[in-house]
Amino acid sequence: MNNLTTDSLTKFLSQSNIETSPAWEFISGNSIQKPKKTLFHSRLQRNLVNYINRHTEQLEAIQELRCIIPPYSPVPDIAVIKRYRLTESVKEIIAMTRNC
């Protein structure tokens, strides 16, 4: 796990390398790179997302979605969001991936 030096969320979000794998998070004023996942962790995450998305129409589970909740910017393994809060473009992408 590495650290980036930044003094604000705005400065953190303007950095070009925060989406590298594994992603960077901004927590309590610190830039922290998420630990690398194991194969077990990746499969568990995928299976949980698939289960949630198959069993509810009101919620959408999304992996590794950067959240911006000032003054934080976490990248949770799984974010579960009410569908009505998703933009139309996101809904279209989700619909296309489900039809594959």
PDB file of N, CA and C in Angstrom:
ATOM      1  N   MET A   1       0.840  -1.164   0.000  1.00  0.00           N
ATOM      2  CA  MET A   1       0.000   0.000   0.000  1.00  0.00           C
ATOM      3  C   MET A   1       0.890   1.234   0.000  1.00  0.00           C
ATOM      4  N   ASN A   2       0.601   2.178  -0.859  1.00  0.00           N
ATOM      5  CA  ASN A   2       1.383   3.400  -0.989  1.00  0.00           C
ATOM      6  C   ASN A   2       0.569   4.602  -0.543  1.00  0.00           C
ATOM      7  N   ASN A   3       1.229   5.721  -0.394  1.00  0.00           N
ATOM      8  CA  ASN A   3       0.562   6.974  -0.053  1.00  0.00           C
ATOM      9  C   ASN A   3       0.921   8.048  -1.064  1.00  0.00           C
ATOM     10  N   LEU A   4      -0.050   8.896  -1.399  1.00  0.00           N
ATOM     11  CA  LEU A   4       0.169  10.104  -2.190  1.00  0.00           C
ATOM     12  C   LEU A   4       0.098  11.278  -1.230  1.00  0.00           C
ATOM     13  N   THR A   5       0.802  12.324  -1.530  1.00  0.00           N
ATOM     14  CA  THR A   5       0.739  13.509  -0.686  1.00  0.00           C
ATOM     15  C   THR A   5      -0.205  14.524  -1.313  1.00  0.00           C
ATOM     16  N   THR A   6      -1.297  14.824  -0.625  1.00  0.00           N
ATOM     17  CA  THR A   6      -2.227  15.870  -1.051  1.00  0.00           C
ATOM     18  C   THR A   6      -2.750  16.558   0.198  1.00  0.00           C
ATOM     19  N   ASP A   7      -3.242  17.761   0.030  1.00  0.00           N
ATOM     20  CA  ASP A   7      -3.755  18.473   1.195  1.00  0.00           C
ATOM     21  C   ASP A   7      -5.250  18.748   1.123  1.00  0.00           C
ATOM     22  N   SER A   8      -5.915  18.307   0.055  1.00  0.00           N
ATOM     23  CA  SER A   8      -7.355  18.514  -0.038  1.00  0.00           C
ATOM     24  C   SER A   8      -7.978  17.505  -0.993  1.00  0.00           C
ATOM     25  N   LEU A   9      -9.275  17.324  -0.843  1.00  0.00           N
ATOM     26  CA  LEU A   9     -10.013  16.431  -1.725  1.00  0.00           C
ATOM     27  C   LEU A   9      -9.939  16.919  -3.168  1.00  0.00           C
ATOM     28  N   THR A  10     -10.070  18.208  -3.396  1.00  0.00           N
ATOM     29  CA  THR A  10     -10.013  18.756  -4.756  1.00  0.00           C
ATOM     30  C   THR A  10      -8.678  18.443  -5.417  1.00  0.00           C
ATOM     31  N   LYS A  11      -7.606  18.650  -4.704  1.00  0.00           N
ATOM     32  CA  LYS A  11      -6.280  18.354  -5.246  1.00  0.00           C
ATOM     33  C   LYS A  11      -6.138  16.855  -5.509  1.00  0.00           C
ATOM     34  N   PHE A  12      -6.634  16.037  -4.597  1.00  0.00           N
ATOM     35  CA  PHE A  12      -6.584  14.581  -4.766  1.00  0.00           C
ATOM     36  C   PHE A  12      -7.307  14.160  -6.042  1.00  0.00           C
ATOM     37  N   LEU A  13      -8.529  14.655  -6.244  1.00  0.00           N
ATOM     38  CA  LEU A  13      -9.330  14.258  -7.403  1.00  0.00           C
ATOM     39  C   LEU A  13      -8.751  14.740  -8.723  1.00  0.00           C
ATOM     40  N   SER A  14      -7.891  15.747  -8.693  1.00  0.00           N
ATOM     41  CA  SER A  14      -7.287  16.253  -9.930  1.00  0.00           C
ATOM     42  C   SER A  14      -6.063  15.447 -10.359  1.00  0.00           C
ATOM     43  N   GLN A  15      -5.606  14.529  -9.526  1.00  0.00           N
ATOM     44  CA  GLN A  15      -4.428  13.733  -9.873  1.00  0.00           C
ATOM     45  C   GLN A  15      -4.797  12.663 -10.893  1.00  0.00           C
ATOM     46  N   SER A  16      -3.941  12.475 -11.863  1.00  0.00           N
ATOM     47  CA  SER A  16      -4.246  11.561 -12.968  1.00  0.00           C
ATOM     48  C   SER A  16      -4.086  10.090 -12.607  1.00  0.00           C
ATOM     49  N   ASN A  17      -3.388   9.772 -11.549  1.00  0.00           N
ATOM     50  CA  ASN A  17      -3.096   8.367 -11.262  1.00  0.00           C
ATOM     51  C   ASN A  17      -4.000   7.735 -10.209  1.00  0.00           C
ATOM     52  N   ILE A  18      -5.054   8.411  -9.770  1.00  0.00           N
ATOM     53  CA  ILE A  18      -5.865   7.841  -8.694  1.00  0.00           C
ATOM     54  C   ILE A  18      -6.711   6.656  -9.142  1.00  0.00           C
ATOM     55  N   GLU A  19      -6.904   6.485 -10.441  1.00  0.00           N
ATOM     56  CA  GLU A  19      -7.693   5.356 -10.934  1.00  0.00           C
ATOM     57  C   GLU A  19      -6.831   4.164 -11.338  1.00  0.00           C
ATOM     58  N   THR A  20      -5.523   4.249 -11.099  1.00  0.00           N
ATOM     59  CA  THR A  20      -4.677   3.101 -11.397  1.00  0.00           C
ATOM     60  C   THR A  20      -5.085   1.939 -10.505  1.00  0.00           C
ATOM     61  N   SER A  21      -4.703   0.756 -10.875  1.00  0.00           N
ATOM     62  CA  SER A  21      -5.080  -0.422 -10.098  1.00  0.00           C
ATOM     63  C   SER A  21      -3.947  -0.833  -9.179  1.00  0.00           C
ATOM     64  N   PRO A  22      -4.242  -1.035  -7.924  1.00  0.00           N
ATOM     65  CA  PRO A  22      -5.503  -0.749  -7.247  1.00  0.00           C
ATOM     66  C   PRO A  22      -5.730   0.751  -7.070  1.00  0.00           C
ATOM     67  N   ALA A  23      -6.994   1.111  -6.942  1.00  0.00           N
ATOM     68  CA  ALA A  23      -7.393   2.524  -6.877  1.00  0.00           C
ATOM     69  C   ALA A  23      -6.885   3.208  -5.611  1.00  0.00           C
ATOM     70  N   TRP A  24      -6.846   4.525  -5.684  1.00  0.00           N
ATOM     71  CA  TRP A  24      -6.488   5.359  -4.543  1.00  0.00           C
ATOM     72  C   TRP A  24      -7.754   5.891  -3.895  1.00  0.00           C
ATOM     73  N   GLU A  25      -7.719   6.041  -2.568  1.00  0.00           N
ATOM     74  CA  GLU A  25      -8.821   6.613  -1.809  1.00  0.00           C
ATOM     75  C   GLU A  25      -8.308   7.818  -1.029  1.00  0.00           C
ATOM     76  N   PHE A  26      -9.203   8.735  -0.710  1.00  0.00           N
ATOM     77  CA  PHE A  26      -8.853   9.889   0.117  1.00  0.00           C
ATOM     78  C   PHE A  26      -9.691   9.783   1.385  1.00  0.00           C
ATOM     79  N   ILE A  27      -9.033   9.411   2.484  1.00  0.00           N
ATOM     80  CA  ILE A  27      -9.712   9.153   3.752  1.00  0.00           C
ATOM     81  C   ILE A  27      -9.024   9.945   4.856  1.00  0.00           C
ATOM     82  N   SER A  28      -9.789  10.711   5.602  1.00  0.00           N
ATOM     83  CA  SER A  28      -9.268  11.487   6.740  1.00  0.00           C
ATOM     84  C   SER A  28      -8.047  12.326   6.363  1.00  0.00           C
ATOM     85  N   GLY A  29      -8.095  12.935   5.173  1.00  0.00           N
ATOM     86  CA  GLY A  29      -7.012  13.802   4.737  1.00  0.00           C
ATOM     87  C   GLY A  29      -5.799  13.080   4.198  1.00  0.00           C
ATOM     88  N   ASN A  30      -5.890  11.757   4.050  1.00  0.00           N
ATOM     89  CA  ASN A  30      -4.762  10.961   3.550  1.00  0.00           C
ATOM     90  C   ASN A  30      -5.120  10.251   2.257  1.00  0.00           C
ATOM     91  N   SER A  31      -4.184  10.234   1.317  1.00  0.00           N
ATOM     92  CA  SER A  31      -4.323   9.467   0.079  1.00  0.00           C
ATOM     93  C   SER A  31      -3.752   8.085   0.334  1.00  0.00           C
ATOM     94  N   ILE A  32      -4.594   7.064   0.158  1.00  0.00           N
ATOM     95  CA  ILE A  32      -4.182   5.697   0.460  1.00  0.00           C
ATOM     96  C   ILE A  32      -4.553   4.802  -0.716  1.00  0.00           C
ATOM     97  N   GLN A  33      -3.605   3.983  -1.166  1.00  0.00           N
ATOM     98  CA  GLN A  33      -3.899   3.045  -2.244  1.00  0.00           C
ATOM     99  C   GLN A  33      -4.486   1.778  -1.643  1.00  0.00           C
ATOM    100  N   LYS A  34      -5.590   1.309  -2.242  1.00  0.00           N
ATOM    101  CA  LYS A  34      -6.225   0.092  -1.752  1.00  0.00           C
ATOM    102  C   LYS A  34      -5.269  -1.088  -1.922  1.00  0.00           C
ATOM    103  N   PRO A  35      -5.360  -2.078  -1.045  1.00  0.00           N
ATOM    104  CA  PRO A  35      -4.511  -3.260  -1.211  1.00  0.00           C
ATOM    105  C   PRO A  35      -4.945  -4.070  -2.431  1.00  0.00           C
ATOM    106  N   LYS A  36      -4.004  -4.815  -2.994  1.00  0.00           N
ATOM    107  CA  LYS A  36      -4.341  -5.692  -4.120  1.00  0.00           C
ATOM    108  C   LYS A  36      -5.243  -6.807  -3.622  1.00  0.00           C
ATOM    109  N   LYS A  37      -6.158  -7.217  -4.482  1.00  0.00           N
ATOM    110  CA  LYS A  37      -7.117  -8.256  -4.113  1.00  0.00           C
ATOM    111  C   LYS A  37      -6.560  -9.635  -4.395  1.00  0.00           C
ATOM    112  N   THR A  38      -7.072 -10.587  -3.648  1.00  0.00           N
ATOM    113  CA  THR A  38      -6.767 -11.985  -3.921  1.00  0.00           C
ATOM    114  C   THR A  38      -7.811 -12.517  -4.904  1.00  0.00           C
ATOM    115  N   LEU A  39      -7.552 -13.654  -5.489  1.00  0.00           N
ATOM    116  CA  LEU A  39      -8.515 -14.282  -6.389  1.00  0.00           C
ATOM    117  C   LEU A  39      -9.813 -14.579  -5.640  1.00  0.00           C
ATOM    118  N   PHE A  40      -9.701 -15.071  -4.412  1.00  0.00           N
ATOM    119  CA  PHE A  40     -10.889 -15.369  -3.609  1.00  0.00           C
ATOM    120  C   PHE A  40     -11.721 -14.105  -3.395  1.00  0.00           C
ATOM    121  N   HIS A  41     -11.059 -13.021  -3.032  1.00  0.00           N
ATOM    122  CA  HIS A  41     -11.753 -11.751  -2.786  1.00  0.00           C
ATOM    123  C   HIS A  41     -12.465 -11.277  -4.054  1.00  0.00           C
ATOM    124  N   SER A  42     -11.796 -11.350  -5.193  1.00  0.00           N
ATOM    125  CA  SER A  42     -12.389 -10.903  -6.459  1.00  0.00           C
ATOM    126  C   SER A  42     -13.617 -11.727  -6.818  1.00  0.00           C
ATOM    127  N   ARG A  43     -13.527 -13.034  -6.634  1.00  0.00           N
ATOM    128  CA  ARG A  43     -14.670 -13.899  -6.944  1.00  0.00           C
ATOM    129  C   ARG A  43     -15.829 -13.655  -5.985  1.00  0.00           C
ATOM    130  N   LEU A  44     -15.520 -13.497  -4.715  1.00  0.00           N
ATOM    131  CA  LEU A  44     -16.555 -13.225  -3.721  1.00  0.00           C
ATOM    132  C   LEU A  44     -17.266 -11.910  -4.041  1.00  0.00           C
ATOM    133  N   GLN A  45     -16.501 -10.900  -4.377  1.00  0.00           N
ATOM    134  CA  GLN A  45     -17.057  -9.594  -4.736  1.00  0.00           C
ATOM    135  C   GLN A  45     -17.956  -9.721  -5.957  1.00  0.00           C
ATOM    136  N   ARG A  46     -17.488 -10.390  -6.995  1.00  0.00           N
ATOM    137  CA  ARG A  46     -18.280 -10.571  -8.221  1.00  0.00           C
ATOM    138  C   ARG A  46     -19.570 -11.328  -7.933  1.00  0.00           C
ATOM    139  N   ASN A  47     -19.471 -12.409  -7.154  1.00  0.00           N
ATOM    140  CA  ASN A  47     -20.651 -13.217  -6.859  1.00  0.00           C
ATOM    141  C   ASN A  47     -21.682 -12.440  -6.048  1.00  0.00           C
ATOM    142  N   LEU A  48     -21.220 -11.638  -5.105  1.00  0.00           N
ATOM    143  CA  LEU A  48     -22.140 -10.834  -4.305  1.00  0.00           C
ATOM    144  C   LEU A  48     -22.837  -9.781  -5.164  1.00  0.00           C
ATOM    145  N   VAL A  49     -22.096  -9.115  -6.034  1.00  0.00           N
ATOM    146  CA  VAL A  49     -22.695  -8.129  -6.945  1.00  0.00           C
ATOM    147  C   VAL A  49     -23.736  -8.804  -7.834  1.00  0.00           C
ATOM    148  N   ASN A  50     -23.394  -9.940  -8.408  1.00  0.00           N
ATOM    149  CA  ASN A  50     -24.336 -10.654  -9.275  1.00  0.00           C
ATOM    150  C   ASN A  50     -25.590 -11.067  -8.514  1.00  0.00           C
ATOM    151  N   TYR A  51     -25.430 -11.542  -7.287  1.00  0.00           N
ATOM    152  CA  TYR A  51     -26.572 -11.964  -6.473  1.00  0.00           C
ATOM    153  C   TYR A  51     -27.495 -10.780  -6.194  1.00  0.00           C
ATOM    154  N   ILE A  52     -26.919  -9.678  -5.751  1.00  0.00           N
ATOM    155  CA  ILE A  52     -27.734  -8.492  -5.443  1.00  0.00           C
ATOM    156  C   ILE A  52     -28.477  -8.024  -6.688  1.00  0.00           C
ATOM    157  N   ASN A  53     -27.796  -7.962  -7.814  1.00  0.00           N
ATOM    158  CA  ASN A  53     -28.417  -7.452  -9.039  1.00  0.00           C
ATOM    159  C   ASN A  53     -29.484  -8.388  -9.593  1.00  0.00           C
ATOM    160  N   ARG A  54     -29.375  -9.674  -9.333  1.00  0.00           N
ATOM    161  CA  ARG A  54     -30.397 -10.628  -9.782  1.00  0.00           C
ATOM    162  C   ARG A  54     -31.639 -10.596  -8.900  1.00  0.00           C
ATOM    163  N   HIS A  55     -31.488 -10.172  -7.653  1.00  0.00           N
ATOM    164  CA  HIS A  55     -32.576 -10.311  -6.694  1.00  0.00           C
ATOM    165  C   HIS A  55     -33.259  -9.009  -6.295  1.00  0.00           C
ATOM    166  N   THR A  56     -32.952  -7.936  -6.953  1.00  0.00           N
ATOM    167  CA  THR A  56     -33.648  -6.684  -6.655  1.00  0.00           C
ATOM    168  C   THR A  56     -33.739  -5.829  -7.907  1.00  0.00           C
ATOM    169  N   GLU A  57     -34.856  -5.161  -8.042  1.00  0.00           N
ATOM    170  CA  GLU A  57     -35.037  -4.215  -9.143  1.00  0.00           C
ATOM    171  C   GLU A  57     -34.845  -2.782  -8.667  1.00  0.00           C
ATOM    172  N   GLN A  58     -34.869  -2.568  -7.361  1.00  0.00           N
ATOM    173  CA  GLN A  58     -34.796  -1.211  -6.824  1.00  0.00           C
ATOM    174  C   GLN A  58     -33.373  -0.753  -6.549  1.00  0.00           C
ATOM    175  N   LEU A  59     -32.439  -1.694  -6.483  1.00  0.00           N
ATOM    176  CA  LEU A  59     -31.054  -1.376  -6.151  1.00  0.00           C
ATOM    177  C   LEU A  59     -30.123  -1.872  -7.240  1.00  0.00           C
ATOM    178  N   GLU A  60     -28.969  -1.253  -7.342  1.00  0.00           N
ATOM    179  CA  GLU A  60     -27.931  -1.690  -8.283  1.00  0.00           C
ATOM    180  C   GLU A  60     -26.624  -1.795  -7.518  1.00  0.00           C
ATOM    181  N   ALA A  61     -25.999  -2.953  -7.577  1.00  0.00           N
ATOM    182  CA  ALA A  61     -24.688  -3.149  -6.962  1.00  0.00           C
ATOM    183  C   ALA A  61     -23.625  -2.932  -8.035  1.00  0.00           C
ATOM    184  N   ILE A  62     -22.623  -2.122  -7.714  1.00  0.00           N
ATOM    185  CA  ILE A  62     -21.566  -1.775  -8.663  1.00  0.00           C
ATOM    186  C   ILE A  62     -20.226  -1.960  -7.969  1.00  0.00           C
ATOM    187  N   GLN A  63     -19.276  -2.592  -8.660  1.00  0.00           N
ATOM    188  CA  GLN A  63     -17.949  -2.838  -8.102  1.00  0.00           C
ATOM    189  C   GLN A  63     -17.035  -1.636  -8.302  1.00  0.00           C
ATOM    190  N   GLU A  64     -16.240  -1.333  -7.283  1.00  0.00           N
ATOM    191  CA  GLU A  64     -15.143  -0.363  -7.369  1.00  0.00           C
ATOM    192  C   GLU A  64     -15.580   0.995  -7.914  1.00  0.00           C
ATOM    193  N   LEU A  65     -16.716   1.486  -7.482  1.00  0.00           N
ATOM    194  CA  LEU A  65     -17.221   2.786  -7.926  1.00  0.00           C
ATOM    195  C   LEU A  65     -16.671   3.885  -7.017  1.00  0.00           C
ATOM    196  N   ARG A  66     -15.951   4.833  -7.594  1.00  0.00           N
ATOM    197  CA  ARG A  66     -15.433   5.940  -6.783  1.00  0.00           C
ATOM    198  C   ARG A  66     -16.598   6.770  -6.266  1.00  0.00           C
ATOM    199  N   CYS A  67     -16.623   6.955  -4.968  1.00  0.00           N
ATOM    200  CA  CYS A  67     -17.640   7.787  -4.329  1.00  0.00           C
ATOM    201  C   CYS A  67     -16.978   9.087  -3.887  1.00  0.00           C
ATOM    202  N   ILE A  68     -17.690  10.171  -4.017  1.00  0.00           N
ATOM    203  CA  ILE A  68     -17.176  11.454  -3.542  1.00  0.00           C
ATOM    204  C   ILE A  68     -18.178  11.970  -2.518  1.00  0.00           C
ATOM    205  N   ILE A  69     -17.770  11.869  -1.274  1.00  0.00           N
ATOM    206  CA  ILE A  69     -18.582  12.285  -0.143  1.00  0.00           C
ATOM    207  C   ILE A  69     -17.708  13.235   0.668  1.00  0.00           C
ATOM    208  N   PRO A  70     -17.677  14.522   0.279  1.00  0.00           N
ATOM    209  CA  PRO A  70     -16.732  15.445   0.909  1.00  0.00           C
ATOM    210  C   PRO A  70     -16.779  15.355   2.440  1.00  0.00           C
ATOM    211  N   PRO A  71     -15.618  15.288   3.048  1.00  0.00           N
ATOM    212  CA  PRO A  71     -14.264  15.461   2.524  1.00  0.00           C
ATOM    213  C   PRO A  71     -13.580  14.140   2.163  1.00  0.00           C
ATOM    214  N   TYR A  72     -14.351  13.098   1.858  1.00  0.00           N
ATOM    215  CA  TYR A  72     -13.783  11.780   1.576  1.00  0.00           C
ATOM    216  C   TYR A  72     -13.992  11.380   0.118  1.00  0.00           C
ATOM    217  N   SER A  73     -13.177  10.431  -0.337  1.00  0.00           N
ATOM    218  CA  SER A  73     -13.358   9.822  -1.650  1.00  0.00           C
ATOM    219  C   SER A  73     -12.966   8.350  -1.565  1.00  0.00           C
ATOM    220  N   PRO A  74     -13.857   7.529  -0.974  1.00  0.00           N
ATOM    221  CA  PRO A  74     -13.569   6.103  -0.892  1.00  0.00           C
ATOM    222  C   PRO A  74     -13.916   5.395  -2.200  1.00  0.00           C
ATOM    223  N   VAL A  75     -13.342   4.218  -2.394  1.00  0.00           N
ATOM    224  CA  VAL A  75     -13.686   3.341  -3.510  1.00  0.00           C
ATOM    225  C   VAL A  75     -14.067   2.001  -2.884  1.00  0.00           C
ATOM    226  N   PRO A  76     -15.343   1.855  -2.492  1.00  0.00           N
ATOM    227  CA  PRO A  76     -15.736   0.613  -1.835  1.00  0.00           C
ATOM    228  C   PRO A  76     -15.684  -0.563  -2.800  1.00  0.00           C
ATOM    229  N   ASP A  77     -15.460  -1.740  -2.250  1.00  0.00           N
ATOM    230  CA  ASP A  77     -15.467  -2.940  -3.083  1.00  0.00           C
ATOM    231  C   ASP A  77     -16.800  -3.060  -3.812  1.00  0.00           C
ATOM    232  N   ILE A  78     -17.886  -2.790  -3.093  1.00  0.00           N
ATOM    233  CA  ILE A  78     -19.230  -2.838  -3.672  1.00  0.00           C
ATOM    234  C   ILE A  78     -20.020  -1.638  -3.165  1.00  0.00           C
ATOM    235  N   ALA A  79     -20.613  -0.909  -4.081  1.00  0.00           N
ATOM    236  CA  ALA A  79     -21.536   0.170  -3.720  1.00  0.00           C
ATOM    237  C   ALA A  79     -22.927  -0.272  -4.147  1.00  0.00           C
ATOM    238  N   VAL A  80     -23.895  -0.131  -3.271  1.00  0.00           N
ATOM    239  CA  VAL A  80     -25.281  -0.476  -3.587  1.00  0.00           C
ATOM    240  C   VAL A  80     -26.065   0.831  -3.606  1.00  0.00           C
ATOM    241  N   ILE A  81     -26.631   1.127  -4.773  1.00  0.00           N
ATOM    242  CA  ILE A  81     -27.260   2.423  -5.010  1.00  0.00           C
ATOM    243  C   ILE A  81     -28.699   2.216  -5.448  1.00  0.00           C
ATOM    244  N   LYS A  82     -29.589   3.069  -4.969  1.00  0.00           N
ATOM    245  CA  LYS A  82     -30.972   3.020  -5.433  1.00  0.00           C
ATOM    246  C   LYS A  82     -30.981   3.392  -6.910  1.00  0.00           C
ATOM    247  N   ARG A  83     -31.700   2.614  -7.700  1.00  0.00           N
ATOM    248  CA  ARG A  83     -31.693   2.814  -9.153  1.00  0.00           C
ATOM    249  C   ARG A  83     -32.135   4.210  -9.576  1.00  0.00           C
ATOM    250  N   TYR A  84     -33.081   4.785  -8.871  1.00  0.00           N
ATOM    251  CA  TYR A  84     -33.564   6.103  -9.286  1.00  0.00           C
ATOM    252  C   TYR A  84     -32.478   7.169  -9.167  1.00  0.00           C
ATOM    253  N   ARG A  85     -31.415   6.889  -8.426  1.00  0.00           N
ATOM    254  CA  ARG A  85     -30.330   7.865  -8.273  1.00  0.00           C
ATOM    255  C   ARG A  85     -29.289   7.754  -9.389  1.00  0.00           C
ATOM    256  N   LEU A  86     -29.366   6.709 -10.194  1.00  0.00           N
ATOM    257  CA  LEU A  86     -28.420   6.533 -11.298  1.00  0.00           C
ATOM    258  C   LEU A  86     -28.856   7.386 -12.485  1.00  0.00           C
ATOM    259  N   THR A  87     -27.905   7.916 -13.217  1.00  0.00           N
ATOM    260  CA  THR A  87     -28.237   8.701 -14.401  1.00  0.00           C
ATOM    261  C   THR A  87     -28.694   7.778 -15.518  1.00  0.00           C
ATOM    262  N   GLU A  88     -29.358   8.338 -16.503  1.00  0.00           N
ATOM    263  CA  GLU A  88     -29.846   7.537 -17.627  1.00  0.00           C
ATOM    264  C   GLU A  88     -28.707   6.850 -18.370  1.00  0.00           C
ATOM    265  N   SER A  89     -27.581   7.524 -18.558  1.00  0.00           N
ATOM    266  CA  SER A  89     -26.473   6.905 -19.286  1.00  0.00           C
ATOM    267  C   SER A  89     -25.944   5.693 -18.528  1.00  0.00           C
ATOM    268  N   VAL A  90     -25.904   5.773 -17.206  1.00  0.00           N
ATOM    269  CA  VAL A  90     -25.455   4.629 -16.413  1.00  0.00           C
ATOM    270  C   VAL A  90     -26.466   3.496 -16.531  1.00  0.00           C
ATOM    271  N   LYS A  91     -27.752   3.819 -16.493  1.00  0.00           N
ATOM    272  CA  LYS A  91     -28.787   2.792 -16.621  1.00  0.00           C
ATOM    273  C   LYS A  91     -28.683   2.081 -17.971  1.00  0.00           C
ATOM    274  N   GLU A  92     -28.407   2.828 -19.041  1.00  0.00           N
ATOM    275  CA  GLU A  92     -28.274   2.225 -20.370  1.00  0.00           C
ATOM    276  C   GLU A  92     -27.090   1.269 -20.417  1.00  0.00           C
ATOM    277  N   ILE A  93     -25.980   1.660 -19.831  1.00  0.00           N
ATOM    278  CA  ILE A  93     -24.798   0.797 -19.810  1.00  0.00           C
ATOM    279  C   ILE A  93     -25.089  -0.474 -19.029  1.00  0.00           C
ATOM    280  N   ILE A  94     -25.743  -0.347 -17.883  1.00  0.00           N
ATOM    281  CA  ILE A  94     -26.078  -1.509 -17.061  1.00  0.00           C
ATOM    282  C   ILE A  94     -27.003  -2.443 -17.828  1.00  0.00           C
ATOM    283  N   ALA A  95     -28.003  -1.889 -18.510  1.00  0.00           N
ATOM    284  CA  ALA A  95     -28.928  -2.710 -19.289  1.00  0.00           C
ATOM    285  C   ALA A  95     -28.193  -3.457 -20.393  1.00  0.00           C
ATOM    286  N   MET A  96     -27.248  -2.805 -21.062  1.00  0.00           N
ATOM    287  CA  MET A  96     -26.486  -3.461 -22.130  1.00  0.00           C
ATOM    288  C   MET A  96     -25.655  -4.609 -21.575  1.00  0.00           C
ATOM    289  N   THR A  97     -25.042  -4.421 -20.414  1.00  0.00           N
ATOM    290  CA  THR A  97     -24.195  -5.476 -19.866  1.00  0.00           C
ATOM    291  C   THR A  97     -25.024  -6.655 -19.394  1.00  0.00           C
ATOM    292  N   ARG A  98     -26.235  -6.428 -18.973  1.00  0.00           N
ATOM    293  CA  ARG A  98     -27.095  -7.530 -18.538  1.00  0.00           C
ATOM    294  C   ARG A  98     -27.594  -8.354 -19.716  1.00  0.00           C
ATOM    295  N   ASN A  99     -27.664  -7.762 -20.891  1.00  0.00           N
ATOM    296  CA  ASN A  99     -28.150  -8.472 -22.067  1.00  0.00           C
ATOM    297  C   ASN A  99     -27.053  -9.247 -22.780  1.00  0.00           C
ATOM    298  N   CYS A 100     -25.828  -9.159 -22.311  1.00  0.00           N
ATOM    299  CA  CYS A 100     -24.710  -9.863 -22.954  1.00  0.00           C
ATOM    300  C   CYS A 100     -24.707 -11.330 -22.579  1.00  0.00           C
TER     301      CYS A 100
END
